[in-house]
Structures are given as C-alpha cells and as structure tokens.
C-alpha atoms as a PDB file:
ATOM      1  CA  MET A   1     108.288  95.543 102.874  1.00  0.00           C
ATOM      2  CA  PHE A   2     109.684  97.078 106.005  1.00  0.00           C
ATOM      3  CA  PHE A   3     110.082  95.400 109.346  1.00  0.00           C
ATOM      4  CA  ARG A   4     109.686  96.824 112.838  1.00  0.00           C
ATOM      5  CA  PHE A   5     110.142  94.917 116.062  1.00  0.00           C
ATOM      6  CA  PRO A   6     109.681  97.361 118.964  1.00  0.00           C
ATOM      7  CA  GLU A   7     109.452  94.475 121.438  1.00  0.00           C
ATOM      8  CA  ILE A   8     113.130  93.581 120.830  1.00  0.00           C
ATOM      9  CA  GLN A   9     115.139  95.827 123.133  1.00  0.00           C
ATOM     10  CA  GLU A  10     118.633  94.329 122.837  1.00  0.00           C
ATOM     11  CA  ALA A  11     120.828  95.358 119.904  1.00  0.00           C
ATOM     12  CA  GLN A  12     122.311  91.891 119.395  1.00  0.00           C
ATOM     13  CA  LEU A  13     118.876  90.266 119.198  1.00  0.00           C
ATOM     14  CA  LEU A  14     117.719  92.880 116.708  1.00  0.00           C
ATOM     15  CA  PHE A  15     120.833  92.316 114.613  1.00  0.00           C
ATOM     16  CA  ASP A  16     120.221  88.551 114.681  1.00  0.00           C
ATOM     17  CA  ALA A  17     116.645  89.111 113.511  1.00  0.00           C
ATOM     18  CA  HIS A  18     117.940  91.395 110.748  1.00  0.00           C
ATOM     19  CA  ARG A  19     120.467  88.782 109.651  1.00  0.00           C
ATOM     20  CA  ARG A  20     117.705  86.136 109.520  1.00  0.00           C
ATOM     21  CA  LEU A  21     115.464  88.417 107.463  1.00  0.00           C
ATOM     22  CA  VAL A  22     118.279  89.093 104.990  1.00  0.00           C
ATOM     23  CA  GLU A  23     118.860  85.347 104.645  1.00  0.00           C
ATOM     24  CA  LYS A  24     115.138  84.707 104.206  1.00  0.00           C
ATOM     25  CA  TYR A  25     114.173  87.480 101.769  1.00  0.00           C
ATOM     26  CA  ALA A  26     117.390  88.564 100.038  1.00  0.00           C
ATOM     27  CA  GLY A  27     119.115  85.238  99.604  1.00  0.00           C
ATOM     28  CA  GLY A  28     121.924  86.336 101.890  1.00  0.00           C
ATOM     29  CA  LEU A  29     122.793  89.407  99.822  1.00  0.00           C
ATOM     30  CA  TRP A  30     123.760  92.460 101.837  1.00  0.00           C
ATOM     31  CA  VAL A  31     122.761  95.996 100.983  1.00  0.00           C
ATOM     32  CA  GLN A  32     125.578  97.863  99.329  1.00  0.00           C
ATOM     33  CA  ALA A  33     126.084 101.493 100.205  1.00  0.00           C
ATOM     34  CA  GLU A  34     126.329 104.127  97.527  1.00  0.00           C
ATOM     35  CA  PRO A  35     129.872 105.004  96.479  1.00  0.00           C
ATOM     36  CA  PRO A  36     131.252 107.978  98.415  1.00  0.00           C
ATOM     37  CA  GLY A  37     130.012 111.224  96.911  1.00  0.00           C
ATOM     38  CA  GLN A  38     127.083 109.553  95.105  1.00  0.00           C
ATOM     39  CA  GLU A  39     124.576 109.628  97.966  1.00  0.00           C
ATOM     40  CA  MET A  40     122.774 112.742  96.719  1.00  0.00           C
ATOM     41  CA  GLN A  41     122.374 111.278  93.221  1.00  0.00           C
ATOM     42  CA  ARG A  42     120.473 108.347  94.716  1.00  0.00           C
ATOM     43  CA  LEU A  43     118.138 110.734  96.544  1.00  0.00           C
ATOM     44  CA  VAL A  44     117.623 112.705  93.330  1.00  0.00           C
ATOM     45  CA  ARG A  45     116.855 109.507  91.362  1.00  0.00           C
ATOM     46  CA  THR A  46     114.349 108.429  94.017  1.00  0.00           C
ATOM     47  CA  VAL A  47     112.532 111.767  94.013  1.00  0.00           C
ATOM     48  CA  GLU A  48     112.540 112.011  90.218  1.00  0.00           C
ATOM     49  CA  ASN A  49     111.097 108.496  89.935  1.00  0.00           C
ATOM     50  CA  TYR A  50     108.163 109.279  92.267  1.00  0.00           C
ATOM     51  CA  GLY A  51     105.864 110.722  89.581  1.00  0.00           C
ATOM     52  CA  PRO A  52     106.550 108.144  86.846  1.00  0.00           C
ATOM     53  CA  ARG A  53     106.201 105.264  89.322  1.00  0.00           C
ATOM     54  CA  HIS A  54     102.803 106.537  90.482  1.00  0.00           C
ATOM     55  CA  ALA A  55     101.747 107.176  86.877  1.00  0.00           C
ATOM     56  CA  VAL A  56     102.313 103.490  86.096  1.00  0.00           C
ATOM     57  CA  ILE A  57      99.949 102.396  88.893  1.00  0.00           C
ATOM     58  CA  GLY A  58      97.357 105.016  87.977  1.00  0.00           C
ATOM     59  CA  TYR A  59      97.713 107.415  90.919  1.00  0.00           C
ATOM     60  CA  MET A  60      99.137 110.300  88.868  1.00  0.00           C
ATOM     61  CA  VAL A  61      99.297 111.573  85.292  1.00  0.00           C
ATOM     62  CA  PRO A  62     101.701 114.037  83.683  1.00  0.00           C
ATOM     63  CA  SER A  63     100.419 117.602  83.710  1.00  0.00           C
ATOM     64  CA  GLU A  64      99.683 119.474  80.483  1.00  0.00           C
ATOM     65  CA  ASP A  65     103.078 121.183  80.475  1.00  0.00           C
ATOM     66  CA  GLY A  66     104.866 117.868  81.153  1.00  0.00           C
ATOM     67  CA  ALA A  67     106.975 119.401  83.902  1.00  0.00           C
ATOM     68  CA  SER A  68     105.059 117.869  86.807  1.00  0.00           C
ATOM     69  CA  TYR A  69     102.430 115.296  87.730  1.00  0.00           C
ATOM     70  CA  LYS A  70      98.919 115.646  89.078  1.00  0.00           C
ATOM     71  CA  LEU A  71      96.732 113.184  90.958  1.00  0.00           C
ATOM     72  CA  THR A  72      94.080 111.160  89.189  1.00  0.00           C
ATOM     73  CA  TRP A  73      90.694 110.591  90.822  1.00  0.00           C
ATOM     74  CA  LYS A  74      91.882 107.125  91.797  1.00  0.00           C
ATOM     75  CA  GLY A  75      95.054 108.502  93.398  1.00  0.00           C
ATOM     76  CA  ALA A  76      93.235 111.280  95.225  1.00  0.00           C
ATOM     77  CA  PHE A  77      90.587 108.882  96.546  1.00  0.00           C
ATOM     78  CA  LEU A  78      93.050 106.228  97.723  1.00  0.00           C
ATOM     79  CA  ILE A  79      95.427 108.716  99.344  1.00  0.00           C
ATOM     80  CA  THR A  80      92.508 110.382 101.130  1.00  0.00           C
ATOM     81  CA  CYS A  81      91.045 107.075 102.311  1.00  0.00           C
ATOM     82  CA  ARG A  82      94.345 105.984 103.823  1.00  0.00           C
ATOM     83  CA  GLY A  83      94.276 109.002 106.107  1.00  0.00           C
ATOM     84  CA  LEU A  84      90.679 108.641 107.285  1.00  0.00           C
ATOM     85  CA  TRP A  85      89.613 106.954 110.477  1.00  0.00           C
ATOM     86  CA  PRO A  86      89.527 103.930 110.952  1.00  0.00           C
ATOM     87  CA  VAL A  87      91.623 102.988 107.900  1.00  0.00           C
ATOM     88  CA  GLY A  88      94.883 104.221 109.435  1.00  0.00           C
ATOM     89  CA  SER A  89      94.254 102.327 112.652  1.00  0.00           C
ATOM     90  CA  VAL A  90      93.336  99.159 110.774  1.00  0.00           C
ATOM     91  CA  ARG A  91      96.465  99.394 108.613  1.00  0.00           C
ATOM     92  CA  LYS A  92      98.639  99.828 111.735  1.00  0.00           C
ATOM     93  CA  TRP A  93      96.943  96.851 113.375  1.00  0.00           C
ATOM     94  CA  MET A  94      97.471  94.715 110.266  1.00  0.00           C
ATOM     95  CA  HIS A  95     101.143  95.688 110.061  1.00  0.00           C
ATOM     96  CA  ARG A  96     101.667  94.983 113.768  1.00  0.00           C
ATOM     97  CA  ASN A  97     100.093  91.528 113.355  1.00  0.00           C
ATOM     98  CA  ALA A  98     102.246  90.828 110.300  1.00  0.00           C
ATOM     99  CA  MET A  99     105.398  91.752 112.250  1.00  0.00           C
ATOM    100  CA  GLN A 100     104.379  89.499 115.149  1.00  0.00           C
ATOM    101  CA  ALA A 101     103.768  86.644 112.696  1.00  0.00           C
ATOM    102  CA  GLU A 102     107.172  87.258 111.094  1.00  0.00           C
ATOM    103  CA  LEU A 103     108.835  87.192 114.507  1.00  0.00           C
ATOM    104  CA  ARG A 104     107.058  83.917 115.337  1.00  0.00           C
ATOM    105  CA  CYS A 105     108.259  82.506 112.009  1.00  0.00           C
ATOM    106  CA  LEU A 106     111.841  83.513 112.797  1.00  0.00           C
ATOM    107  CA  GLN A 107     111.492  81.905 116.224  1.00  0.00           C
ATOM    108  CA  SER A 108     110.235  78.659 114.715  1.00  0.00           C
ATOM    109  CA  GLU A 109     113.182  78.662 112.295  1.00  0.00           C
ATOM    110  CA  GLY A 110     115.534  78.416 115.231  1.00  0.00           C
ATOM    111  CA  LEU A 111     116.304  81.900 116.476  1.00  0.00           C
ATOM    112  CA  ALA A 112     115.853  80.822 120.076  1.00  0.00           C
ATOM    113  CA  ALA A 113     117.209  84.061 121.506  1.00  0.00           C
ATOM    114  CA  LEU A 114     114.240  85.947 120.056  1.00  0.00           C
ATOM    115  CA  GLN A 115     111.900  83.857 122.162  1.00  0.00           C
ATOM    116  CA  LYS A 116     112.978  85.959 125.149  1.00  0.00           C
ATOM    117  CA  ALA A 117     111.863  89.188 123.462  1.00  0.00           C
END
C-alpha cells in the first residue's frame, strides 16, 4: 500500500505522519537502503520478477520460447478495464477516501499536529 497526503504542506507534519505509519504497519522497523553499489541489482531483480509475479496471479504466462511473458485473457481484460472511464476515476476516488480515513485514524491516535492539516 502506498500513502499520499497532499493536504499536508509542512515537512515536519509529513514526517510525523510517516513515522506514525511506520509504527502502525511495520512494527517500528525502518526501511534499509541497499548497500552502496547494489542499487542497480535491486532494480534488475524487480524487473526480472515482474513476469513471474504476474504469472502467479494469472495475468501472464510464459511465451513458447520461454524468454518472455505474454498476457492472458484475464490479464488483458483487467489491465484494459483499469484504464477505461469511469474505472480510473472511481479508483482515484476510493484511494483518496482511504487516505483521508487513514489520516483521521492517525489523528485519533494522538497526532494532534495533523489536525491542522
């Protein structure tokens, strides 16, 4: 899940919200950066995992030569539907509402400074 709070304009308030979200969802663990010089390997792993990850959920299948992946009917249909009107607008609206609910939850947990945002 990704979080966006465009209504928070001050950096300190945004950092406080971030800290609260880390405490809430990651048990206080902080993201660790890749070791110096290993950043590109992470990007390569992510890109190489794209096809197999989508094959597991049924969006793609390996091609006949095994060197690439192609979309299944399910994958093609779902990817197309996500781009059609009004699905994109509805998804944005749902995400915006979820972020507002998350911000209200953080406010109720005691982040009083966010109440100004």
